[in-house]
Protein backbone atom coordinates (compact mmCIF):
# COMPACT_ATOMS: atom_id res chain seq x y z
CA MET A 1 -0.03 0.01 -0.01
CA LYS A 2 1.39 3.44 -0.93
CA LEU A 3 2.20 5.90 1.79
CA THR A 4 -0.27 8.43 0.42
CA ARG A 5 -3.09 5.79 0.71
CA VAL A 6 -2.08 5.05 4.30
CA LEU A 7 -2.11 8.75 5.20
CA HIS A 8 -5.52 9.24 3.61
CA ARG A 9 -6.88 6.19 5.47
CA ARG A 10 -5.49 7.51 8.77
CA ARG A 11 -6.98 10.95 8.12
CA PHE A 12 -10.36 9.31 7.35
CA LEU A 13 -10.21 7.18 10.47
CA LEU A 14 -9.34 10.17 12.64
CA ARG A 15 -12.22 12.24 11.18
CA SER A 16 -14.70 9.43 11.35
CA THR A 17 -13.90 8.46 15.01
CA GLY A 18 -15.84 11.45 16.30
CA MET A 19 -18.77 10.68 14.11
CA ALA A 20 -18.76 6.99 15.10
CA ALA A 21 -18.61 7.98 18.74
CA ALA A 22 -21.61 10.19 18.23
CA GLY A 23 -23.54 7.38 16.57
CA LEU A 24 -23.61 9.07 13.19
CA LEU A 25 -21.38 6.64 11.39
CA PRO A 26 -21.49 2.90 11.76
CA ILE A 27 -18.23 1.30 12.82
CA SER A 28 -16.60 -0.80 10.07
CA ARG A 29 -14.56 -3.79 10.84
CA PRO A 30 -11.08 -4.04 9.27
CA GLN A 31 -11.20 -5.79 5.91
CA ALA A 32 -10.20 -9.52 5.87
CA GLY A 33 -6.51 -9.84 5.98
CA THR A 34 -5.85 -6.52 7.77
CA THR A 35 -5.28 -6.20 11.42
CA SER A 36 -4.13 -2.57 11.68
CA ALA A 37 -7.44 -1.00 12.89
CA ARG A 38 -8.68 -1.93 16.37
CA ASP A 39 -12.30 -1.06 17.30
CA LEU A 40 -14.53 -1.38 20.25
CA ALA A 41 -18.29 -1.20 20.81
CA LEU A 42 -19.75 -0.66 24.24
CA ALA A 43 -23.17 -0.08 25.82
CA HIS A 44 -23.25 1.37 29.34
CA THR A 45 -25.84 -0.24 31.65
CA HIS A 46 -26.18 2.79 33.96
CA THR A 47 -26.04 5.75 31.57
CA ARG A 48 -27.73 3.92 28.66
CA GLU A 49 -25.13 5.46 26.28
CA ARG A 50 -23.51 3.54 23.41
CA ILE A 51 -20.24 4.00 21.67
CA ALA A 52 -18.62 2.29 18.66
CA LEU A 53 -15.35 3.50 17.30
CA VAL A 54 -11.81 2.68 15.97
CA TYR A 55 -9.48 3.50 18.91
CA ALA A 56 -6.16 2.43 17.38
CA VAL A 57 -4.49 2.06 14.03
CA ALA A 58 -1.38 -0.07 13.66
CA GLN A 59 0.72 0.57 16.76
CA GLY A 60 -0.81 3.97 17.56
CA TYR A 61 -3.81 4.87 19.66
CA LEU A 62 -6.03 7.68 18.35
CA PRO A 63 -6.14 10.48 20.95
CA ASP A 64 -9.63 11.68 20.08
CA ALA A 65 -10.92 8.14 20.38
CA LEU A 66 -9.21 7.55 23.70
CA ASP A 67 -10.87 10.85 24.97
CA SER A 68 -14.27 9.62 23.85
CA LEU A 69 -13.75 6.38 25.66
CA ASN A 70 -12.50 8.05 28.78
CA HIS A 71 -15.70 10.19 28.84
CA PHE A 72 -17.83 7.16 28.07
CA LEU A 73 -16.34 5.18 30.96
CA ARG A 74 -16.56 8.00 33.41
CA ASP A 75 -17.64 7.51 37.04
CA HIS A 76 -21.42 7.15 36.55
CA TYR A 77 -22.03 8.25 40.14
CA SER A 78 -20.09 11.55 40.15
CA GLY A 79 -19.53 12.21 36.40
CA GLU A 80 -15.77 12.49 36.99
CA VAL A 81 -13.75 11.49 33.99
CA GLY A 82 -10.54 9.49 34.56
CA GLU A 83 -7.85 8.32 32.19
CA MET A 84 -8.31 4.73 31.22
CA ASP A 85 -5.40 2.43 30.34
CA PRO A 86 -5.49 1.90 26.50
CA ARG A 87 -4.22 -1.60 27.07
CA LEU A 88 -7.61 -2.38 28.63
CA TYR A 89 -9.28 -1.58 25.27
CA ASP A 90 -6.82 -3.97 23.63
CA LEU A 91 -7.79 -6.68 26.08
CA LEU A 92 -11.55 -6.11 25.32
CA HIS A 93 -10.84 -5.99 21.56
CA GLN A 94 -8.94 -9.35 21.84
CA VAL A 95 -11.63 -11.03 23.96
CA HIS A 96 -14.34 -9.82 21.53
CA ARG A 97 -12.45 -11.30 18.57
CA LEU A 98 -11.52 -14.48 20.38
CA LEU A 99 -15.24 -15.10 21.09
CA GLY A 100 -16.37 -14.14 17.68
CA ALA A 101 -19.01 -11.96 19.35
CA ALA A 102 -21.27 -9.74 17.30
CA ARG A 103 -22.83 -7.48 20.00
CA PRO A 104 -21.24 -4.76 22.09
CA PHE A 105 -19.90 -5.29 25.59
CA GLU A 106 -22.30 -4.10 28.30
CA VAL A 107 -20.36 -2.01 30.81
CA ILE A 108 -21.29 -2.13 34.46
CA SER A 109 -18.36 -0.11 35.80
CA GLY A 110 -15.33 1.60 34.24
CA TYR A 111 -13.52 4.44 35.93
CA ARG A 112 -14.24 4.97 39.58
CA ALA A 113 -13.39 8.24 41.43
CA PRO A 114 -11.53 7.75 44.76
CA ALA A 115 -14.61 9.18 46.70
CA THR A 116 -16.96 6.82 44.91
CA ASN A 117 -14.75 3.89 45.57
CA ALA A 118 -14.54 4.75 49.27
CA HIS A 119 -18.36 5.17 49.48
CA LEU A 120 -18.97 1.81 47.73
CA ARG A 121 -16.47 0.09 49.99
CA HIS A 122 -18.50 1.16 53.01
CA THR A 123 -21.92 0.37 51.58
CA ARG A 124 -21.33 -2.76 49.57
CA GLY A 125 -20.24 -5.16 52.40
CA GLY A 126 -16.56 -5.30 51.50
CA GLY A 127 -17.06 -6.17 47.84
CA VAL A 128 -14.95 -3.22 46.63
CA ALA A 129 -11.16 -3.26 46.92
CA GLN A 130 -9.51 -0.28 48.76
CA ASN A 131 -6.89 0.00 46.09
CA SER A 132 -9.20 -0.85 43.20
CA LEU A 133 -7.73 -0.69 39.72
CA HIS A 134 -10.94 0.97 38.68
CA VAL A 135 -9.60 4.11 40.45
CA GLN A 136 -6.47 3.93 38.29
CA GLY A 137 -8.43 3.48 35.13
CA ARG A 138 -7.08 0.01 34.69
CA ALA A 139 -10.29 -2.04 35.26
CA ILE A 140 -13.68 -2.60 33.75
CA ASP A 141 -16.71 -4.84 34.71
CA VAL A 142 -18.48 -6.17 31.70
CA ARG A 143 -20.71 -8.78 30.23
CA LEU A 144 -21.27 -9.70 26.63
CA PRO A 145 -24.83 -10.48 25.39
CA GLY A 146 -25.05 -13.76 23.64
CA VAL A 147 -21.95 -15.14 25.36
CA ALA A 148 -22.10 -17.23 28.50
CA LEU A 149 -20.48 -15.43 31.46
CA ALA A 150 -18.14 -18.39 32.00
CA ASP A 151 -17.02 -18.29 28.37
CA LEU A 152 -16.27 -14.56 28.72
CA ARG A 153 -14.25 -15.25 31.87
CA ASP A 154 -12.41 -18.12 30.20
CA ALA A 155 -11.55 -16.05 27.11
CA ALA A 156 -10.11 -13.27 29.30
CA VAL A 157 -8.14 -15.71 31.40
CA SER A 158 -6.75 -17.49 28.27
CA LEU A 159 -4.98 -14.22 27.25
CA GLN A 160 -2.85 -14.27 30.46
CA VAL A 161 -2.55 -10.51 30.44
CA GLY A 162 -4.22 -9.14 33.60
CA GLY A 163 -6.67 -9.92 36.37
CA VAL A 164 -9.96 -11.60 35.78
CA GLY A 165 -12.69 -11.75 38.38
CA PHE A 166 -15.92 -13.86 37.93
CA TYR A 167 -19.12 -12.54 39.47
CA PRO A 168 -21.93 -14.82 38.33
CA ALA A 169 -24.48 -13.59 40.89
CA GLN A 170 -23.92 -10.00 39.78
CA GLN A 171 -23.68 -11.09 36.08
CA PHE A 172 -20.34 -9.53 35.12
CA VAL A 173 -16.71 -10.30 34.65
CA HIS A 174 -14.00 -7.99 35.95
CA ILE A 175 -11.05 -7.43 33.55
CA ASP A 176 -7.96 -5.45 34.41
CA THR A 177 -4.44 -4.69 33.36
CA GLY A 178 -2.90 -5.52 36.67
CA ARG A 179 -0.82 -8.55 37.35
CA VAL A 180 -2.10 -11.90 36.02
CA ARG A 181 -4.45 -13.48 38.62
CA ARG A 182 -8.00 -14.69 38.80
CA TRP A 183 -10.75 -15.02 41.34
């Protein structure tokens, strides 16, 4: 592929990212045989917002897309926006592809402000970690419609990249970019 075509494609992707985030442009999957564009589709269970966008091309992350994802995954209690670890998006992208899923992830929790985390620790019977990776923007709680929760857990565990927590009673899987562990 000529350099000018690559530059035009990148310019298009950068411009279309904002439109896709706004729901004005459907996300397109990379063509067969190409793996340079990485995309993500999410639906938030608390805010009822949806987002679908390309967040990275080749080895580079798209700053506008990361900003859109940071806002989307904000603390839904306080509205505070944190900075999420882009490697978390890569994990979600890999899990989605590994499972051959067609639907967006449903997000239960993304970024959590320190004050929110402290409040939840005292009101949720100890189910919230004091040094939660949610506060650092390195964790997300999700489920994937059409995919058994145990299959989602197993796919995330198989990548051996970060922590994976299984919460079948609450119907979500915790995925983070911390050390490799599972519970």
